[in-house]
Amino acid sequence: MPVSFWTSPVICTGRAIGRRARRTPFIGGGYADYTYIRGDALMVRIPDSVPTRAAVLVEPLAGATRAIERAYIPGVPDRHQGMGPGKTVVVQGSGPVGALLVALARIVGAYKVMVIGAPENRLKICQELGVDLTLDFTRTSEEERAEIIRGQTPHGIGPDIVIEAAGALRAFIEAINLVRPGGTIVEHGHFTYRGTIPFDPMPIVRKDIVIIGNTGYYSSGFDTAVKILEANVGRVAFERIVTHEFPLAQAQEAVEAARREVALKAVLVPPLG
């Protein structure tokens, strides 16, 4: 969803499975006046210290956190390069998830964090969150980006980690070409079907790289995301990712602002009382 609601002090996520799930009443969706919360739903309380503007990011932050966690893989120390302190990271995509990945990579101690994305207003937010290098894919070629990125990595071998968070087919091919030999790619961006694209599997073998899919998060990811927000209050400006607020009556305008990429993250602020 490109648009979030201001959250209450509690986040709920259903855990109904199997036959029980089919007995759950269906009452509306994200824009409904009421929703049905099962008695066995997982509830995660938002600490008072976490600004509401940051709290609305818990759901995408849970997914971004797992993308980083998926990159932590064992391997031969002098060959395979999973995530960790001192690693070089490229994030493909400068949307809300891409911006969150920038902040998370910084928190875990990455040496260099680089972002490929657009437009400029989104890249600027990534800069505020600590990215070392931004590359506008509308103004650079894939070959130019590869040369610049390799120039930022030790010995010019390429980044240790590439996280695809753009949901673009061509970005996945670029990730294979960018990552260093023995490096890791996390495919996080394709939550919706975007078609298919041909690619040469030989570089995967020749470079001995690891490709990991990330389906999102599990219920525990909400708790982890809340802890990250709480631990970094005053240190990481997560709330900067929320760039636009709209009253509930302007829900369509909020969707359009996100679709046109005028907003990085748009939120709806329901009336109180």
C-alpha atoms as a PDB file:
ATOM      1  CA  MET A   1       0.000   0.000   0.000  1.00  0.00           C
ATOM      2  CA  PRO A   2       1.365   3.438  -0.882  1.00  0.00           C
ATOM      3  CA  VAL A   3      -0.703   5.086   1.832  1.00  0.00           C
ATOM      4  CA  SER A   4      -0.821   4.416   5.567  1.00  0.00           C
ATOM      5  CA  PHE A   5      -3.116   5.480   8.373  1.00  0.00           C
ATOM      6  CA  TRP A   6      -1.834   7.089  11.524  1.00  0.00           C
ATOM      7  CA  THR A   7      -1.641   4.122  13.856  1.00  0.00           C
ATOM      8  CA  SER A   8      -3.183   3.709  17.265  1.00  0.00           C
ATOM      9  CA  PRO A   9      -0.852   2.821  20.176  1.00  0.00           C
ATOM     10  CA  VAL A  10      -1.369  -0.840  19.263  1.00  0.00           C
ATOM     11  CA  ILE A  11      -0.620  -2.696  16.045  1.00  0.00           C
ATOM     12  CA  CYS A  12      -2.655  -5.856  15.375  1.00  0.00           C
ATOM     13  CA  THR A  13      -1.951  -8.577  12.865  1.00  0.00           C
ATOM     14  CA  GLY A  14      -4.212 -11.590  12.430  1.00  0.00           C
ATOM     15  CA  ARG A  15      -2.853 -15.108  12.852  1.00  0.00           C
ATOM     16  CA  ALA A  16      -5.929 -17.135  11.924  1.00  0.00           C
ATOM     17  CA  ILE A  17      -5.150 -20.213   9.854  1.00  0.00           C
ATOM     18  CA  GLY A  18      -6.940 -23.128   8.231  1.00  0.00           C
ATOM     19  CA  ARG A  19     -10.657 -23.658   8.820  1.00  0.00           C
ATOM     20  CA  ARG A  20     -10.806 -21.045  11.549  1.00  0.00           C
ATOM     21  CA  ALA A  21      -9.737 -18.363   9.109  1.00  0.00           C
ATOM     22  CA  ARG A  22     -12.759 -19.068   6.897  1.00  0.00           C
ATOM     23  CA  ARG A  23     -15.084 -18.347   9.816  1.00  0.00           C
ATOM     24  CA  THR A  24     -13.608 -14.883  10.350  1.00  0.00           C
ATOM     25  CA  PRO A  25     -16.191 -12.252   9.332  1.00  0.00           C
ATOM     26  CA  PHE A  26     -15.100 -10.049   6.479  1.00  0.00           C
ATOM     27  CA  ILE A  27     -15.634  -6.448   7.469  1.00  0.00           C
ATOM     28  CA  GLY A  28     -14.169  -3.932   5.055  1.00  0.00           C
ATOM     29  CA  GLY A  29     -10.530  -3.228   4.404  1.00  0.00           C
ATOM     30  CA  GLY A  30      -8.046  -0.439   4.897  1.00  0.00           C
ATOM     31  CA  TYR A  31     -10.607   2.304   4.271  1.00  0.00           C
ATOM     32  CA  ALA A  32     -13.490   0.753   6.230  1.00  0.00           C
ATOM     33  CA  ASP A  33     -15.162   2.328   9.257  1.00  0.00           C
ATOM     34  CA  TYR A  34     -14.678  -0.908  11.204  1.00  0.00           C
ATOM     35  CA  THR A  35     -12.480  -3.967  10.956  1.00  0.00           C
ATOM     36  CA  TYR A  36     -12.646  -7.363  12.633  1.00  0.00           C
ATOM     37  CA  ILE A  37      -9.801  -8.318  14.970  1.00  0.00           C
ATOM     38  CA  ARG A  38      -9.699 -11.910  16.130  1.00  0.00           C
ATOM     39  CA  GLY A  39      -9.275 -12.669  19.787  1.00  0.00           C
ATOM     40  CA  ASP A  40      -6.028 -14.524  19.074  1.00  0.00           C
ATOM     41  CA  ALA A  41      -4.507 -11.679  17.029  1.00  0.00           C
ATOM     42  CA  LEU A  42      -0.950 -10.678  17.814  1.00  0.00           C
ATOM     43  CA  MET A  43      -0.807  -7.228  19.366  1.00  0.00           C
ATOM     44  CA  VAL A  44       2.323  -5.097  19.525  1.00  0.00           C
ATOM     45  CA  ARG A  45       2.223  -1.923  21.579  1.00  0.00           C
ATOM     46  CA  ILE A  46       3.917   1.214  20.267  1.00  0.00           C
ATOM     47  CA  PRO A  47       6.034   2.787  23.015  1.00  0.00           C
ATOM     48  CA  ASP A  48       5.110   6.350  23.938  1.00  0.00           C
ATOM     49  CA  SER A  49       8.613   7.494  22.944  1.00  0.00           C
ATOM     50  CA  VAL A  50       8.099   6.526  19.283  1.00  0.00           C
ATOM     51  CA  PRO A  51       6.583   9.399  17.269  1.00  0.00           C
ATOM     52  CA  THR A  52       3.333   8.506  15.540  1.00  0.00           C
ATOM     53  CA  ARG A  53       4.860   9.703  12.275  1.00  0.00           C
ATOM     54  CA  ALA A  54       7.495   6.970  12.628  1.00  0.00           C
ATOM     55  CA  ALA A  55       5.098   4.354  13.986  1.00  0.00           C
ATOM     56  CA  VAL A  56       3.175   4.204  10.686  1.00  0.00           C
ATOM     57  CA  LEU A  57       6.323   2.686   9.162  1.00  0.00           C
ATOM     58  CA  VAL A  58       6.246  -0.458  11.298  1.00  0.00           C
ATOM     59  CA  GLU A  59       4.801  -2.682   8.546  1.00  0.00           C
ATOM     60  CA  PRO A  60       7.257  -1.767   5.745  1.00  0.00           C
ATOM     61  CA  LEU A  61      10.088  -1.635   8.299  1.00  0.00           C
ATOM     62  CA  ALA A  62       9.345  -5.231   9.298  1.00  0.00           C
ATOM     63  CA  GLY A  63       9.804  -6.302   5.675  1.00  0.00           C
ATOM     64  CA  ALA A  64      12.930  -4.205   5.171  1.00  0.00           C
ATOM     65  CA  THR A  65      14.433  -5.581   8.370  1.00  0.00           C
ATOM     66  CA  ARG A  66      13.960  -9.139   7.190  1.00  0.00           C
ATOM     67  CA  ALA A  67      15.593  -8.262   3.854  1.00  0.00           C
ATOM     68  CA  ILE A  68      18.673  -7.160   5.790  1.00  0.00           C
ATOM     69  CA  GLU A  69      18.475 -10.240   8.015  1.00  0.00           C
ATOM     70  CA  ARG A  70      18.253 -12.512   4.967  1.00  0.00           C
ATOM     71  CA  ALA A  71      21.562 -11.071   3.764  1.00  0.00           C
ATOM     72  CA  TYR A  72      23.315 -12.333   6.901  1.00  0.00           C
ATOM     73  CA  ILE A  73      24.511 -15.684   5.595  1.00  0.00           C
ATOM     74  CA  PRO A  74      27.470 -17.894   6.491  1.00  0.00           C
ATOM     75  CA  GLY A  75      30.140 -18.581   3.917  1.00  0.00           C
ATOM     76  CA  VAL A  76      33.826 -19.014   3.335  1.00  0.00           C
ATOM     77  CA  PRO A  77      35.241 -15.872   4.995  1.00  0.00           C
ATOM     78  CA  ASP A  78      37.580 -15.012   2.130  1.00  0.00           C
ATOM     79  CA  ARG A  79      34.948 -15.577  -0.509  1.00  0.00           C
ATOM     80  CA  HIS A  80      31.273 -15.248   0.321  1.00  0.00           C
ATOM     81  CA  GLN A  81      30.244 -11.854   1.593  1.00  0.00           C
ATOM     82  CA  GLY A  82      27.017 -11.662   3.546  1.00  0.00           C
ATOM     83  CA  MET A  83      25.747  -8.629   5.424  1.00  0.00           C
ATOM     84  CA  GLY A  84      27.656  -7.296   8.394  1.00  0.00           C
ATOM     85  CA  PRO A  85      29.690  -4.367   9.723  1.00  0.00           C
ATOM     86  CA  GLY A  86      32.080  -2.935   7.187  1.00  0.00           C
ATOM     87  CA  LYS A  87      30.255  -4.281   4.117  1.00  0.00           C
ATOM     88  CA  THR A  88      29.312  -2.309   1.013  1.00  0.00           C
ATOM     89  CA  VAL A  89      25.604  -2.238   0.193  1.00  0.00           C
ATOM     90  CA  VAL A  90      23.664  -1.142  -2.875  1.00  0.00           C
ATOM     91  CA  VAL A  91      19.912  -0.579  -2.547  1.00  0.00           C
ATOM     92  CA  GLN A  92      17.935  -0.573  -5.781  1.00  0.00           C
ATOM     93  CA  GLY A  93      14.886   1.613  -5.291  1.00  0.00           C
ATOM     94  CA  SER A  94      14.393   4.882  -3.422  1.00  0.00           C
ATOM     95  CA  GLY A  95      10.797   4.421  -2.313  1.00  0.00           C
ATOM     96  CA  PRO A  96       9.771   4.020   1.334  1.00  0.00           C
ATOM     97  CA  VAL A  97      11.294   0.526   1.601  1.00  0.00           C
ATOM     98  CA  GLY A  98      14.493   1.638  -0.116  1.00  0.00           C
ATOM     99  CA  ALA A  99      14.821   4.556   2.303  1.00  0.00           C
ATOM    100  CA  LEU A 100      14.242   2.209   5.247  1.00  0.00           C
ATOM    101  CA  LEU A 101      16.920  -0.149   3.923  1.00  0.00           C
ATOM    102  CA  VAL A 102      19.371   2.757   3.812  1.00  0.00           C
ATOM    103  CA  ALA A 103      18.691   3.546   7.473  1.00  0.00           C
ATOM    104  CA  LEU A 104      18.951  -0.105   8.495  1.00  0.00           C
ATOM    105  CA  ALA A 105      22.219  -0.646   6.624  1.00  0.00           C
ATOM    106  CA  ARG A 106      23.644   2.331   8.478  1.00  0.00           C
ATOM    107  CA  ILE A 107      22.408   1.009  11.832  1.00  0.00           C
ATOM    108  CA  VAL A 108      24.147  -2.355  11.324  1.00  0.00           C
ATOM    109  CA  GLY A 109      27.443  -0.676  10.426  1.00  0.00           C
ATOM    110  CA  ALA A 110      27.780  -0.834   6.645  1.00  0.00           C
ATOM    111  CA  TYR A 111      30.943   0.744   5.268  1.00  0.00           C
ATOM    112  CA  LYS A 112      29.301   2.220   2.190  1.00  0.00           C
ATOM    113  CA  VAL A 113      25.602   2.520   1.346  1.00  0.00           C
ATOM    114  CA  MET A 114      24.582   3.421  -2.205  1.00  0.00           C
ATOM    115  CA  VAL A 115      21.140   3.880  -3.745  1.00  0.00           C
ATOM    116  CA  ILE A 116      19.919   3.641  -7.325  1.00  0.00           C
ATOM    117  CA  GLY A 117      16.573   5.361  -7.720  1.00  0.00           C
ATOM    118  CA  ALA A 118      14.531   8.423  -8.704  1.00  0.00           C
ATOM    119  CA  PRO A 119      13.164  11.071  -8.603  1.00  0.00           C
ATOM    120  CA  GLU A 120      15.406  13.607  -6.935  1.00  0.00           C
ATOM    121  CA  ASN A 121      13.061  14.338  -4.003  1.00  0.00           C
ATOM    122  CA  ARG A 122      13.220  10.674  -2.943  1.00  0.00           C
ATOM    123  CA  LEU A 123      16.991  10.487  -3.341  1.00  0.00           C
ATOM    124  CA  LYS A 124      17.295  13.560  -1.119  1.00  0.00           C
ATOM    125  CA  ILE A 125      15.497  11.774   1.727  1.00  0.00           C
ATOM    126  CA  CYS A 126      17.899   8.853   1.330  1.00  0.00           C
ATOM    127  CA  GLN A 127      20.769  11.321   1.687  1.00  0.00           C
ATOM    128  CA  GLU A 128      19.274  12.602   4.928  1.00  0.00           C
ATOM    129  CA  LEU A 129      19.174   9.012   6.205  1.00  0.00           C
ATOM    130  CA  GLY A 130      22.895   8.552   5.647  1.00  0.00           C
ATOM    131  CA  VAL A 131      23.445   7.201   2.137  1.00  0.00           C
ATOM    132  CA  ASP A 132      26.954   7.741   0.740  1.00  0.00           C
ATOM    133  CA  LEU A 133      26.027   7.846  -2.930  1.00  0.00           C
ATOM    134  CA  THR A 134      22.799   8.293  -4.895  1.00  0.00           C
ATOM    135  CA  LEU A 135      22.452   7.485  -8.578  1.00  0.00           C
ATOM    136  CA  ASP A 136      19.455   8.639 -10.590  1.00  0.00           C
ATOM    137  CA  PHE A 137      18.679   5.810 -12.989  1.00  0.00           C
ATOM    138  CA  THR A 138      16.905   8.240 -15.333  1.00  0.00           C
ATOM    139  CA  ARG A 139      20.125  10.199 -15.821  1.00  0.00           C
ATOM    140  CA  THR A 140      22.718   7.437 -15.889  1.00  0.00           C
ATOM    141  CA  SER A 141      23.227   4.284 -17.918  1.00  0.00           C
ATOM    142  CA  GLU A 142      23.667   0.864 -16.346  1.00  0.00           C
ATOM    143  CA  GLU A 143      27.310   0.870 -17.463  1.00  0.00           C
ATOM    144  CA  GLU A 144      27.935   4.290 -15.900  1.00  0.00           C
ATOM    145  CA  ARG A 145      26.352   3.212 -12.631  1.00  0.00           C
ATOM    146  CA  ALA A 146      28.448   0.042 -12.504  1.00  0.00           C
ATOM    147  CA  GLU A 147      31.669   2.003 -13.005  1.00  0.00           C
ATOM    148  CA  ILE A 148      30.788   4.581 -10.344  1.00  0.00           C
ATOM    149  CA  ILE A 149      29.667   1.971  -7.806  1.00  0.00           C
ATOM    150  CA  ARG A 150      32.713  -0.235  -8.270  1.00  0.00           C
ATOM    151  CA  GLY A 151      34.853   2.847  -7.765  1.00  0.00           C
ATOM    152  CA  GLN A 152      33.346   3.158  -4.275  1.00  0.00           C
ATOM    153  CA  THR A 153      34.171  -0.433  -3.269  1.00  0.00           C
ATOM    154  CA  PRO A 154      37.487  -1.810  -1.982  1.00  0.00           C
ATOM    155  CA  HIS A 155      39.725  -2.826  -4.893  1.00  0.00           C
ATOM    156  CA  GLY A 156      36.902  -1.962  -7.288  1.00  0.00           C
ATOM    157  CA  ILE A 157      35.373  -5.437  -7.098  1.00  0.00           C
ATOM    158  CA  GLY A 158      31.764  -4.382  -6.520  1.00  0.00           C
ATOM    159  CA  PRO A 159      29.357  -4.296  -3.577  1.00  0.00           C
ATOM    160  CA  ASP A 160      29.082  -7.151  -1.098  1.00  0.00           C
ATOM    161  CA  ILE A 161      25.286  -6.857  -0.942  1.00  0.00           C
ATOM    162  CA  VAL A 162      22.690  -5.725  -3.474  1.00  0.00           C
ATOM    163  CA  ILE A 163      19.076  -5.491  -2.303  1.00  0.00           C
ATOM    164  CA  GLU A 164      16.487  -5.199  -5.083  1.00  0.00           C
ATOM    165  CA  ALA A 165      13.660  -3.074  -3.678  1.00  0.00           C
ATOM    166  CA  ALA A 166      12.479  -1.390  -6.877  1.00  0.00           C
ATOM    167  CA  GLY A 167      10.221  -4.140  -8.172  1.00  0.00           C
ATOM    168  CA  ALA A 168      11.712  -3.648 -11.649  1.00  0.00           C
ATOM    169  CA  LEU A 169      12.639  -6.633 -13.788  1.00  0.00           C
ATOM    170  CA  ARG A 170      15.730  -4.996 -15.223  1.00  0.00           C
ATOM    171  CA  ALA A 171      16.951  -4.134 -11.722  1.00  0.00           C
ATOM    172  CA  PHE A 172      17.368  -7.836 -10.962  1.00  0.00           C
ATOM    173  CA  ILE A 173      19.649  -8.260 -13.994  1.00  0.00           C
ATOM    174  CA  GLU A 174      21.608  -5.181 -12.940  1.00  0.00           C
ATOM    175  CA  ALA A 175      22.005  -6.630  -9.448  1.00  0.00           C
ATOM    176  CA  ILE A 176      23.625  -9.761 -10.884  1.00  0.00           C
ATOM    177  CA  ASN A 177      26.025  -7.633 -12.884  1.00  0.00           C
ATOM    178  CA  LEU A 178      26.823  -5.291  -9.983  1.00  0.00           C
ATOM    179  CA  VAL A 179      27.444  -7.633  -7.059  1.00  0.00           C
ATOM    180  CA  ARG A 180      30.978  -8.715  -6.309  1.00  0.00           C
ATOM    181  CA  PRO A 181      32.167 -12.298  -6.859  1.00  0.00           C
ATOM    182  CA  GLY A 182      30.950 -14.251  -3.851  1.00  0.00           C
ATOM    183  CA  GLY A 183      28.462 -11.519  -2.988  1.00  0.00           C
ATOM    184  CA  THR A 184      24.788 -11.689  -2.041  1.00  0.00           C
ATOM    185  CA  ILE A 185      21.614 -10.462  -3.722  1.00  0.00           C
ATOM    186  CA  VAL A 186      18.332 -10.169  -1.818  1.00  0.00           C
ATOM    187  CA  GLU A 187      15.259 -10.013  -4.090  1.00  0.00           C
ATOM    188  CA  HIS A 188      12.683  -8.069  -2.113  1.00  0.00           C
ATOM    189  CA  GLY A 189      10.854  -5.862  -4.599  1.00  0.00           C
ATOM    190  CA  HIS A 190       8.635  -8.201  -6.602  1.00  0.00           C
ATOM    191  CA  PHE A 191       5.472  -8.520  -4.517  1.00  0.00           C
ATOM    192  CA  THR A 192       3.263  -8.138  -7.572  1.00  0.00           C
ATOM    193  CA  TYR A 193       3.585  -9.848 -10.925  1.00  0.00           C
ATOM    194  CA  ARG A 194       5.662  -7.807 -13.362  1.00  0.00           C
ATOM    195  CA  GLY A 195       6.052 -10.362 -16.148  1.00  0.00           C
ATOM    196  CA  THR A 196       9.261 -12.131 -17.076  1.00  0.00           C
ATOM    197  CA  ILE A 197      12.619 -11.183 -18.515  1.00  0.00           C
ATOM    198  CA  PRO A 198      15.325 -13.380 -20.083  1.00  0.00           C
ATOM    199  CA  PHE A 199      18.708 -13.495 -18.400  1.00  0.00           C
ATOM    200  CA  ASP A 200      21.981 -15.327 -18.709  1.00  0.00           C
ATOM    201  CA  PRO A 201      22.528 -17.656 -15.709  1.00  0.00           C
ATOM    202  CA  MET A 202      26.244 -17.980 -16.393  1.00  0.00           C
ATOM    203  CA  PRO A 203      27.274 -14.892 -14.322  1.00  0.00           C
ATOM    204  CA  ILE A 204      25.504 -16.431 -11.310  1.00  0.00           C
ATOM    205  CA  VAL A 205      27.708 -19.485 -11.586  1.00  0.00           C
ATOM    206  CA  ARG A 206      30.873 -17.740 -12.720  1.00  0.00           C
ATOM    207  CA  LYS A 207      30.699 -15.178  -9.928  1.00  0.00           C
ATOM    208  CA  ASP A 208      29.642 -17.768  -7.344  1.00  0.00           C
ATOM    209  CA  ILE A 209      26.976 -15.445  -5.960  1.00  0.00           C
ATOM    210  CA  VAL A 210      24.110 -16.099  -3.573  1.00  0.00           C
ATOM    211  CA  ILE A 211      20.561 -15.007  -4.495  1.00  0.00           C
ATOM    212  CA  ILE A 212      17.967 -14.976  -1.719  1.00  0.00           C
ATOM    213  CA  GLY A 213      14.261 -14.247  -1.966  1.00  0.00           C
ATOM    214  CA  ASN A 214      12.428 -12.385   0.769  1.00  0.00           C
ATOM    215  CA  THR A 215       8.698 -12.925   1.074  1.00  0.00           C
ATOM    216  CA  GLY A 216       8.288 -10.108   3.581  1.00  0.00           C
ATOM    217  CA  TYR A 217       8.041 -10.728   7.311  1.00  0.00           C
ATOM    218  CA  TYR A 218       6.542 -12.902  10.009  1.00  0.00           C
ATOM    219  CA  SER A 219       4.577 -11.677  13.011  1.00  0.00           C
ATOM    220  CA  SER A 220       7.768 -11.368  15.067  1.00  0.00           C
ATOM    221  CA  GLY A 221       8.978  -8.793  12.554  1.00  0.00           C
ATOM    222  CA  PHE A 222       6.530  -6.233  13.932  1.00  0.00           C
ATOM    223  CA  ASP A 223       8.080  -6.526  17.377  1.00  0.00           C
ATOM    224  CA  THR A 224      11.561  -6.186  15.880  1.00  0.00           C
ATOM    225  CA  ALA A 225      10.538  -3.125  13.870  1.00  0.00           C
ATOM    226  CA  VAL A 226       9.080  -1.416  16.941  1.00  0.00           C
ATOM    227  CA  LYS A 227      12.295  -2.082  18.882  1.00  0.00           C
ATOM    228  CA  ILE A 228      14.356  -0.563  16.065  1.00  0.00           C
ATOM    229  CA  LEU A 229      12.219   2.574  16.083  1.00  0.00           C
ATOM    230  CA  GLU A 230      12.367   2.834  19.878  1.00  0.00           C
ATOM    231  CA  ALA A 231      16.140   2.308  20.037  1.00  0.00           C
ATOM    232  CA  ASN A 232      16.809   4.985  17.427  1.00  0.00           C
ATOM    233  CA  VAL A 233      14.541   7.811  18.582  1.00  0.00           C
ATOM    234  CA  GLY A 234      16.576  10.984  18.184  1.00  0.00           C
ATOM    235  CA  ARG A 235      19.287   9.145  16.244  1.00  0.00           C
ATOM    236  CA  VAL A 236      17.628   8.170  12.958  1.00  0.00           C
ATOM    237  CA  ALA A 237      14.989  10.438  11.424  1.00  0.00           C
ATOM    238  CA  PHE A 238      12.634   7.669  10.314  1.00  0.00           C
ATOM    239  CA  GLU A 239       9.745  10.143  10.399  1.00  0.00           C
ATOM    240  CA  ARG A 240      11.304  12.022   7.444  1.00  0.00           C
ATOM    241  CA  ILE A 241      10.109   9.178   5.219  1.00  0.00           C
ATOM    242  CA  VAL A 242       6.550  10.365   5.804  1.00  0.00           C
ATOM    243  CA  THR A 243       6.508  13.380   3.524  1.00  0.00           C
ATOM    244  CA  HIS A 244       2.780  14.085   3.114  1.00  0.00           C
ATOM    245  CA  GLU A 245      -0.318  14.054   5.330  1.00  0.00           C
ATOM    246  CA  PHE A 246      -3.909  14.058   4.089  1.00  0.00           C
ATOM    247  CA  PRO A 247      -7.264  14.124   5.877  1.00  0.00           C
ATOM    248  CA  LEU A 248      -9.367  11.013   5.409  1.00  0.00           C
ATOM    249  CA  ALA A 249     -11.629  12.827   2.965  1.00  0.00           C
ATOM    250  CA  GLN A 250      -8.666  13.241   0.615  1.00  0.00           C
ATOM    251  CA  ALA A 251      -7.733   9.565   0.414  1.00  0.00           C
ATOM    252  CA  GLN A 252      -7.724   9.597  -3.389  1.00  0.00           C
ATOM    253  CA  GLU A 253      -5.391  12.592  -3.449  1.00  0.00           C
ATOM    254  CA  ALA A 254      -3.032  10.715  -1.135  1.00  0.00           C
ATOM    255  CA  VAL A 255      -2.996   7.709  -3.440  1.00  0.00           C
ATOM    256  CA  GLU A 256      -2.306   9.916  -6.445  1.00  0.00           C
ATOM    257  CA  ALA A 257       0.533  11.747  -4.662  1.00  0.00           C
ATOM    258  CA  ALA A 258       2.190   8.417  -3.941  1.00  0.00           C
ATOM    259  CA  ARG A 259       1.546   7.105  -7.452  1.00  0.00           C
ATOM    260  CA  ARG A 260       3.090  10.201  -9.050  1.00  0.00           C
ATOM    261  CA  GLU A 261       6.038   9.907  -6.627  1.00  0.00           C
ATOM    262  CA  VAL A 262       5.399  13.417  -5.355  1.00  0.00           C
ATOM    263  CA  ALA A 263       5.178  11.818  -1.918  1.00  0.00           C
ATOM    264  CA  LEU A 264       7.681   9.340  -0.572  1.00  0.00           C
ATOM    265  CA  LYS A 265       5.199   8.087   2.026  1.00  0.00           C
ATOM    266  CA  ALA A 266       1.712   9.554   2.282  1.00  0.00           C
ATOM    267  CA  VAL A 267      -0.463   9.055   5.358  1.00  0.00           C
ATOM    268  CA  LEU A 268      -4.133   9.569   6.100  1.00  0.00           C
ATOM    269  CA  VAL A 269      -4.946  11.325   9.371  1.00  0.00           C
ATOM    270  CA  PRO A 270      -8.458  10.316  10.540  1.00  0.00           C
ATOM    271  CA  PRO A 271     -10.470  12.809  12.569  1.00  0.00           C
ATOM    272  CA  LEU A 272     -10.327  12.216  16.306  1.00  0.00           C
ATOM    273  CA  GLY A 273     -13.498  11.573  18.243  1.00  0.00           C
END
